[in-house]
Structures are given as C-alpha cells and as structure tokens.
Amino acid sequence: GEARIGATLHKRIDLRRWQAFVRNAKRLREGDRIDFAAGVSAIAEARHADGSFTLAFAGEEPVEVLLERAGRMPLP
C-alpha cells in the first residue's frame, strides 16, 4: 500500500544510512521502500526503541546532495 510520511534525518550512521524520525511511522514497516521527491528513495532498515528508523538511501550520490534536491529544512 501507499502512505504519506515525512522523515527528519537525525544522525548519520554511515555514508548511506541515517537515523530518522518518521511522521506517520505507524504505517511504516522494516523493509518498506520510501519514495521521496526528485527520484530519491530509501529502505526502512530497522525501527529503534525511540520510534525512529534507520533509513538506507539508494544511489551513488552523497545523501547531502539528495537532500538538496528533494528535501527542505524543518522550521523550528
């Protein structure tokens, strides 16, 4: 199925993986693919005790470049 979610990247784990807080996380399961704007995608690898997820981003570009293309900074 499809669900609308939002992800706020919190902490870099390694080059392609980030810990993220996910809005509407109840709809997200480990192994689900998340398609963001501009062709950016990630796999939800693991759910953490605090409710956050490890997201593994697809592709060869640095995640920071993907964020410039598809993301926006959250307002405080």
PDB file of N, CA and C in Angstrom:
ATOM      1  N   GLY A   1       0.805  -1.186   0.000  1.00  0.00           N
ATOM      2  CA  GLY A   1       0.000   0.000   0.000  1.00  0.00           C
ATOM      3  C   GLY A   1       0.850   1.253   0.000  1.00  0.00           C
ATOM      4  N   GLU A   2       0.178   2.354   0.003  1.00  0.00           N
ATOM      5  CA  GLU A   2       0.857   3.640   0.000  1.00  0.00           C
ATOM      6  C   GLU A   2       0.390   4.460   1.185  1.00  0.00           C
ATOM      7  N   ALA A   3       1.314   5.219   1.758  1.00  0.00           N
ATOM      8  CA  ALA A   3       1.008   6.131   2.859  1.00  0.00           C
ATOM      9  C   ALA A   3       1.883   7.363   2.710  1.00  0.00           C
ATOM     10  N   ARG A   4       1.391   8.496   3.150  1.00  0.00           N
ATOM     11  CA  ARG A   4       2.188   9.722   3.134  1.00  0.00           C
ATOM     12  C   ARG A   4       2.908   9.817   4.464  1.00  0.00           C
ATOM     13  N   ILE A   5       4.221   9.956   4.412  1.00  0.00           N
ATOM     14  CA  ILE A   5       5.019  10.106   5.616  1.00  0.00           C
ATOM     15  C   ILE A   5       5.969  11.282   5.435  1.00  0.00           C
ATOM     16  N   GLY A   6       6.585  11.681   6.511  1.00  0.00           N
ATOM     17  CA  GLY A   6       7.647  12.682   6.469  1.00  0.00           C
ATOM     18  C   GLY A   6       8.804  12.147   7.288  1.00  0.00           C
ATOM     19  N   ALA A   7      10.014  12.441   6.886  1.00  0.00           N
ATOM     20  CA  ALA A   7      11.189  11.947   7.611  1.00  0.00           C
ATOM     21  C   ALA A   7      12.112  13.118   7.932  1.00  0.00           C
ATOM     22  N   THR A   8      12.547  13.182   9.170  1.00  0.00           N
ATOM     23  CA  THR A   8      13.532  14.166   9.601  1.00  0.00           C
ATOM     24  C   THR A   8      14.803  13.410   9.950  1.00  0.00           C
ATOM     25  N   LEU A   9      15.862  13.640   9.166  1.00  0.00           N
ATOM     26  CA  LEU A   9      17.123  12.946   9.410  1.00  0.00           C
ATOM     27  C   LEU A   9      17.750  13.508  10.667  1.00  0.00           C
ATOM     28  N   HIS A  10      18.123  12.599  11.561  1.00  0.00           N
ATOM     29  CA  HIS A  10      18.608  12.993  12.880  1.00  0.00           C
ATOM     30  C   HIS A  10      20.110  12.794  13.037  1.00  0.00           C
ATOM     31  N   LYS A  11      20.598  11.602  12.667  1.00  0.00           N
ATOM     32  CA  LYS A  11      22.005  11.298  12.906  1.00  0.00           C
ATOM     33  C   LYS A  11      22.540  10.384  11.814  1.00  0.00           C
ATOM     34  N   ARG A  12      23.720  10.747  11.282  1.00  0.00           N
ATOM     35  CA  ARG A  12      24.358   9.912  10.259  1.00  0.00           C
ATOM     36  C   ARG A  12      24.912   8.651  10.931  1.00  0.00           C
ATOM     37  N   ILE A  13      24.629   7.504  10.317  1.00  0.00           N
ATOM     38  CA  ILE A  13      25.173   6.233  10.796  1.00  0.00           C
ATOM     39  C   ILE A  13      26.416   5.879   9.991  1.00  0.00           C
ATOM     40  N   ASP A  14      26.299   5.986   8.673  1.00  0.00           N
ATOM     41  CA  ASP A  14      27.440   5.814   7.777  1.00  0.00           C
ATOM     42  C   ASP A  14      27.151   6.570   6.486  1.00  0.00           C
ATOM     43  N   LEU A  15      27.886   6.282   5.438  1.00  0.00           N
ATOM     44  CA  LEU A  15      27.780   7.062   4.207  1.00  0.00           C
ATOM     45  C   LEU A  15      26.371   7.073   3.609  1.00  0.00           C
ATOM     46  N   ARG A  16      25.648   5.972   3.649  1.00  0.00           N
ATOM     47  CA  ARG A  16      24.330   5.865   3.002  1.00  0.00           C
ATOM     48  C   ARG A  16      23.177   5.723   3.990  1.00  0.00           C
ATOM     49  N   ARG A  17      23.467   5.582   5.278  1.00  0.00           N
ATOM     50  CA  ARG A  17      22.413   5.298   6.259  1.00  0.00           C
ATOM     51  C   ARG A  17      22.324   6.405   7.307  1.00  0.00           C
ATOM     52  N   TRP A  18      21.076   6.777   7.620  1.00  0.00           N
ATOM     53  CA  TRP A  18      20.792   7.802   8.619  1.00  0.00           C
ATOM     54  C   TRP A  18      19.714   7.312   9.573  1.00  0.00           C
ATOM     55  N   GLN A  19      19.802   7.748  10.831  1.00  0.00           N
ATOM     56  CA  GLN A  19      18.709   7.542  11.770  1.00  0.00           C
ATOM     57  C   GLN A  19      17.742   8.695  11.553  1.00  0.00           C
ATOM     58  N   ALA A  20      16.455   8.400  11.452  1.00  0.00           N
ATOM     59  CA  ALA A  20      15.460   9.431  11.126  1.00  0.00           C
ATOM     60  C   ALA A  20      14.209   9.264  11.972  1.00  0.00           C
ATOM     61  N   PHE A  21      13.625  10.392  12.316  1.00  0.00           N
ATOM     62  CA  PHE A  21      12.309  10.392  12.948  1.00  0.00           C
ATOM     63  C   PHE A  21      11.287  10.490  11.824  1.00  0.00           C
ATOM     64  N   VAL A  22      10.302   9.603  11.862  1.00  0.00           N
ATOM     65  CA  VAL A  22       9.350   9.480  10.760  1.00  0.00           C
ATOM     66  C   VAL A  22       7.952   9.854  11.245  1.00  0.00           C
ATOM     67  N   ARG A  23       7.354  10.829  10.569  1.00  0.00           N
ATOM     68  CA  ARG A  23       5.973  11.201  10.842  1.00  0.00           C
ATOM     69  C   ARG A  23       5.065  10.168  10.175  1.00  0.00           C
ATOM     70  N   ASN A  24       4.060   9.712  10.884  1.00  0.00           N
ATOM     71  CA  ASN A  24       3.155   8.658  10.426  1.00  0.00           C
ATOM     72  C   ASN A  24       3.878   7.305  10.402  1.00  0.00           C
ATOM     73  N   ALA A  25       4.788   7.094  11.367  1.00  0.00           N
ATOM     74  CA  ALA A  25       5.636   5.894  11.419  1.00  0.00           C
ATOM     75  C   ALA A  25       4.838   4.613  11.663  1.00  0.00           C
ATOM     76  N   LYS A  26       3.625   4.716  12.174  1.00  0.00           N
ATOM     77  CA  LYS A  26       2.816   3.514  12.409  1.00  0.00           C
ATOM     78  C   LYS A  26       2.549   2.769  11.102  1.00  0.00           C
ATOM     79  N   ARG A  27       2.569   3.488   9.996  1.00  0.00           N
ATOM     80  CA  ARG A  27       2.302   2.889   8.690  1.00  0.00           C
ATOM     81  C   ARG A  27       3.549   2.274   8.060  1.00  0.00           C
ATOM     82  N   LEU A  28       4.728   2.553   8.639  1.00  0.00           N
ATOM     83  CA  LEU A  28       5.998   2.122   8.063  1.00  0.00           C
ATOM     84  C   LEU A  28       6.489   0.852   8.744  1.00  0.00           C
ATOM     85  N   ARG A  29       6.951  -0.103   7.918  1.00  0.00           N
ATOM     86  CA  ARG A  29       7.481  -1.358   8.444  1.00  0.00           C
ATOM     87  C   ARG A  29       8.902  -1.561   7.924  1.00  0.00           C
ATOM     88  N   GLU A  30       9.670  -2.330   8.674  1.00  0.00           N
ATOM     89  CA  GLU A  30      11.025  -2.656   8.236  1.00  0.00           C
ATOM     90  C   GLU A  30      10.968  -3.301   6.858  1.00  0.00           C
ATOM     91  N   GLY A  31      11.848  -2.868   5.968  1.00  0.00           N
ATOM     92  CA  GLY A  31      11.883  -3.382   4.606  1.00  0.00           C
ATOM     93  C   GLY A  31      11.084  -2.567   3.612  1.00  0.00           C
ATOM     94  N   ASP A  32      10.236  -1.643   4.094  1.00  0.00           N
ATOM     95  CA  ASP A  32       9.458  -0.793   3.191  1.00  0.00           C
ATOM     96  C   ASP A  32      10.368   0.177   2.453  1.00  0.00           C
ATOM     97  N   ARG A  33      10.002   0.441   1.217  1.00  0.00           N
ATOM     98  CA  ARG A  33      10.716   1.433   0.411  1.00  0.00           C
ATOM     99  C   ARG A  33       9.966   2.752   0.516  1.00  0.00           C
ATOM    100  N   ILE A  34      10.727   3.826   0.725  1.00  0.00           N
ATOM    101  CA  ILE A  34      10.155   5.168   0.824  1.00  0.00           C
ATOM    102  C   ILE A  34      10.611   5.946  -0.400  1.00  0.00           C
ATOM    103  N   ASP A  35       9.664   6.472  -1.159  1.00  0.00           N
ATOM    104  CA  ASP A  35       9.972   7.290  -2.333  1.00  0.00           C
ATOM    105  C   ASP A  35       9.724   8.745  -1.990  1.00  0.00           C
ATOM    106  N   PHE A  36      10.797   9.528  -2.014  1.00  0.00           N
ATOM    107  CA  PHE A  36      10.725  10.961  -1.769  1.00  0.00           C
ATOM    108  C   PHE A  36      10.640  11.678  -3.116  1.00  0.00           C
ATOM    109  N   ALA A  37      10.594  12.989  -3.086  1.00  0.00           N
ATOM    110  CA  ALA A  37      10.556  13.796  -4.311  1.00  0.00           C
ATOM    111  C   ALA A  37      11.864  13.648  -5.089  1.00  0.00           C
ATOM    112  N   ALA A  38      11.830  14.000  -6.353  1.00  0.00           N
ATOM    113  CA  ALA A  38      13.009  14.084  -7.229  1.00  0.00           C
ATOM    114  C   ALA A  38      13.745  12.754  -7.378  1.00  0.00           C
ATOM    115  N   GLY A  39      13.026  11.633  -7.282  1.00  0.00           N
ATOM    116  CA  GLY A  39      13.636  10.329  -7.508  1.00  0.00           C
ATOM    117  C   GLY A  39      14.495   9.801  -6.379  1.00  0.00           C
ATOM    118  N   VAL A  40      14.401  10.393  -5.202  1.00  0.00           N
ATOM    119  CA  VAL A  40      15.170   9.945  -4.036  1.00  0.00           C
ATOM    120  C   VAL A  40      14.384   8.850  -3.327  1.00  0.00           C
ATOM    121  N   SER A  41      15.073   7.751  -2.966  1.00  0.00           N
ATOM    122  CA  SER A  41      14.394   6.666  -2.258  1.00  0.00           C
ATOM    123  C   SER A  41      15.293   6.102  -1.167  1.00  0.00           C
ATOM    124  N   ALA A  42      14.650   5.445  -0.203  1.00  0.00           N
ATOM    125  CA  ALA A  42      15.366   4.821   0.914  1.00  0.00           C
ATOM    126  C   ALA A  42      14.588   3.591   1.371  1.00  0.00           C
ATOM    127  N   ILE A  43      15.289   2.679   2.006  1.00  0.00           N
ATOM    128  CA  ILE A  43      14.674   1.487   2.602  1.00  0.00           C
ATOM    129  C   ILE A  43      14.674   1.665   4.115  1.00  0.00           C
ATOM    130  N   ALA A  44      13.538   1.381   4.757  1.00  0.00           N
ATOM    131  CA  ALA A  44      13.454   1.404   6.219  1.00  0.00           C
ATOM    132  C   ALA A  44      14.081   0.107   6.728  1.00  0.00           C
ATOM    133  N   GLU A  45      15.274   0.208   7.288  1.00  0.00           N
ATOM    134  CA  GLU A  45      16.004  -0.993   7.700  1.00  0.00           C
ATOM    135  C   GLU A  45      15.609  -1.500   9.077  1.00  0.00           C
ATOM    136  N   ALA A  46      15.516  -0.605  10.046  1.00  0.00           N
ATOM    137  CA  ALA A  46      15.254  -1.052  11.416  1.00  0.00           C
ATOM    138  C   ALA A  46      14.522   0.032  12.186  1.00  0.00           C
ATOM    139  N   ARG A  47      13.615  -0.398  13.080  1.00  0.00           N
ATOM    140  CA  ARG A  47      12.932   0.536  13.976  1.00  0.00           C
ATOM    141  C   ARG A  47      13.674   0.498  15.312  1.00  0.00           C
ATOM    142  N   HIS A  48      13.937   1.681  15.878  1.00  0.00           N
ATOM    143  CA  HIS A  48      14.643   1.784  17.151  1.00  0.00           C
ATOM    144  C   HIS A  48      13.649   1.947  18.298  1.00  0.00           C
ATOM    145  N   ALA A  49      14.129   1.755  19.515  1.00  0.00           N
ATOM    146  CA  ALA A  49      13.278   1.833  20.708  1.00  0.00           C
ATOM    147  C   ALA A  49      12.605   3.194  20.858  1.00  0.00           C
ATOM    148  N   ASP A  50      13.257   4.264  20.388  1.00  0.00           N
ATOM    149  CA  ASP A  50      12.669   5.605  20.499  1.00  0.00           C
ATOM    150  C   ASP A  50      11.665   5.910  19.385  1.00  0.00           C
ATOM    151  N   GLY A  51      11.388   4.925  18.520  1.00  0.00           N
ATOM    152  CA  GLY A  51      10.426   5.098  17.438  1.00  0.00           C
ATOM    153  C   GLY A  51      11.043   5.557  16.133  1.00  0.00           C
ATOM    154  N   SER A  52      12.327   5.895  16.150  1.00  0.00           N
ATOM    155  CA  SER A  52      12.996   6.315  14.919  1.00  0.00           C
ATOM    156  C   SER A  52      13.333   5.098  14.060  1.00  0.00           C
ATOM    157  N   PHE A  53      13.763   5.350  12.831  1.00  0.00           N
ATOM    158  CA  PHE A  53      14.129   4.295  11.895  1.00  0.00           C
ATOM    159  C   PHE A  53      15.528   4.527  11.365  1.00  0.00           C
ATOM    160  N   THR A  54      16.195   3.458  10.972  1.00  0.00           N
ATOM    161  CA  THR A  54      17.396   3.560  10.157  1.00  0.00           C
ATOM    162  C   THR A  54      16.936   3.533   8.709  1.00  0.00           C
ATOM    163  N   LEU A  55      17.300   4.575   7.954  1.00  0.00           N
ATOM    164  CA  LEU A  55      16.966   4.656   6.535  1.00  0.00           C
ATOM    165  C   LEU A  55      18.235   4.480   5.724  1.00  0.00           C
ATOM    166  N   ALA A  56      18.198   3.552   4.758  1.00  0.00           N
ATOM    167  CA  ALA A  56      19.331   3.317   3.853  1.00  0.00           C
ATOM    168  C   ALA A  56      18.966   3.914   2.499  1.00  0.00           C
ATOM    169  N   PHE A  57      19.673   4.954   2.103  1.00  0.00           N
ATOM    170  CA  PHE A  57      19.371   5.665   0.860  1.00  0.00           C
ATOM    171  C   PHE A  57      19.991   4.968  -0.339  1.00  0.00           C
ATOM    172  N   ALA A  58      19.227   4.904  -1.435  1.00  0.00           N
ATOM    173  CA  ALA A  58      19.683   4.270  -2.678  1.00  0.00           C
ATOM    174  C   ALA A  58      20.501   5.254  -3.496  1.00  0.00           C
ATOM    175  N   GLY A  59      21.334   4.715  -4.373  1.00  0.00           N
ATOM    176  CA  GLY A  59      22.075   5.547  -5.308  1.00  0.00           C
ATOM    177  C   GLY A  59      23.526   5.716  -4.928  1.00  0.00           C
ATOM    178  N   GLU A  60      24.218   6.466  -5.779  1.00  0.00           N
ATOM    179  CA  GLU A  60      25.653   6.685  -5.601  1.00  0.00           C
ATOM    180  C   GLU A  60      25.973   8.075  -5.068  1.00  0.00           C
ATOM    181  N   GLU A  61      25.036   9.008  -5.193  1.00  0.00           N
ATOM    182  CA  GLU A  61      25.288  10.372  -4.754  1.00  0.00           C
ATOM    183  C   GLU A  61      25.321  10.447  -3.231  1.00  0.00           C
ATOM    184  N   PRO A  62      26.118  11.378  -2.673  1.00  0.00           N
ATOM    185  CA  PRO A  62      26.082  11.585  -1.223  1.00  0.00           C
ATOM    186  C   PRO A  62      24.673  11.986  -0.782  1.00  0.00           C
ATOM    187  N   VAL A  63      24.296  11.561   0.395  1.00  0.00           N
ATOM    188  CA  VAL A  63      22.956  11.850   0.898  1.00  0.00           C
ATOM    189  C   VAL A  63      22.709  13.359   0.961  1.00  0.00           C
ATOM    190  N   GLU A  64      23.738  14.143   1.263  1.00  0.00           N
ATOM    191  CA  GLU A  64      23.578  15.599   1.317  1.00  0.00           C
ATOM    192  C   GLU A  64      23.132  16.160  -0.030  1.00  0.00           C
ATOM    193  N   VAL A  65      23.625  15.598  -1.122  1.00  0.00           N
ATOM    194  CA  VAL A  65      23.211  16.037  -2.462  1.00  0.00           C
ATOM    195  C   VAL A  65      21.748  15.662  -2.701  1.00  0.00           C
ATOM    196  N   LEU A  66      21.369  14.479  -2.267  1.00  0.00           N
ATOM    197  CA  LEU A  66      19.972  14.051  -2.402  1.00  0.00           C
ATOM    198  C   LEU A  66      19.053  14.984  -1.618  1.00  0.00           C
ATOM    199  N   LEU A  67      19.483  15.375  -0.432  1.00  0.00           N
ATOM    200  CA  LEU A  67      18.667  16.258   0.394  1.00  0.00           C
ATOM    201  C   LEU A  67      18.492  17.628  -0.247  1.00  0.00           C
ATOM    202  N   GLU A  68      19.535  18.127  -0.860  1.00  0.00           N
ATOM    203  CA  GLU A  68      19.432  19.412  -1.561  1.00  0.00           C
ATOM    204  C   GLU A  68      18.391  19.340  -2.667  1.00  0.00           C
ATOM    205  N   ARG A  69      18.311  18.176  -3.322  1.00  0.00           N
ATOM    206  CA  ARG A  69      17.412  18.010  -4.455  1.00  0.00           C
ATOM    207  C   ARG A  69      15.976  17.742  -4.016  1.00  0.00           C
ATOM    208  N   ALA A  70      15.788  16.989  -2.921  1.00  0.00           N
ATOM    209  CA  ALA A  70      14.450  16.522  -2.595  1.00  0.00           C
ATOM    210  C   ALA A  70      13.904  17.004  -1.254  1.00  0.00           C
ATOM    211  N   GLY A  71      14.751  17.557  -0.402  1.00  0.00           N
ATOM    212  CA  GLY A  71      14.285  17.877   0.949  1.00  0.00           C
ATOM    213  C   GLY A  71      14.175  19.355   1.211  1.00  0.00           C
ATOM    214  N   ARG A  72      13.778  19.654   2.430  1.00  0.00           N
ATOM    215  CA  ARG A  72      13.744  21.037   2.900  1.00  0.00           C
ATOM    216  C   ARG A  72      13.974  21.016   4.395  1.00  0.00           C
ATOM    217  N   MET A  73      14.567  22.085   4.886  1.00  0.00           N
ATOM    218  CA  MET A  73      14.851  22.204   6.312  1.00  0.00           C
ATOM    219  C   MET A  73      13.554  22.404   7.077  1.00  0.00           C
ATOM    220  N   PRO A  74      13.386  21.685   8.205  1.00  0.00           N
ATOM    221  CA  PRO A  74      12.179  21.917   9.012  1.00  0.00           C
ATOM    222  C   PRO A  74      12.281  23.241   9.744  1.00  0.00           C
ATOM    223  N   LEU A  75      11.155  23.864   9.944  1.00  0.00           N
ATOM    224  CA  LEU A  75      11.119  25.113  10.701  1.00  0.00           C
ATOM    225  C   LEU A  75      11.156  24.790  12.186  1.00  0.00           C
ATOM    226  N   PRO A  76      11.844  25.612  12.971  1.00  0.00           N
ATOM    227  CA  PRO A  76      11.923  25.344  14.418  1.00  0.00           C
ATOM    228  C   PRO A  76      10.588  25.547  15.111  1.00  0.00           C
TER     229      PRO A  76
END
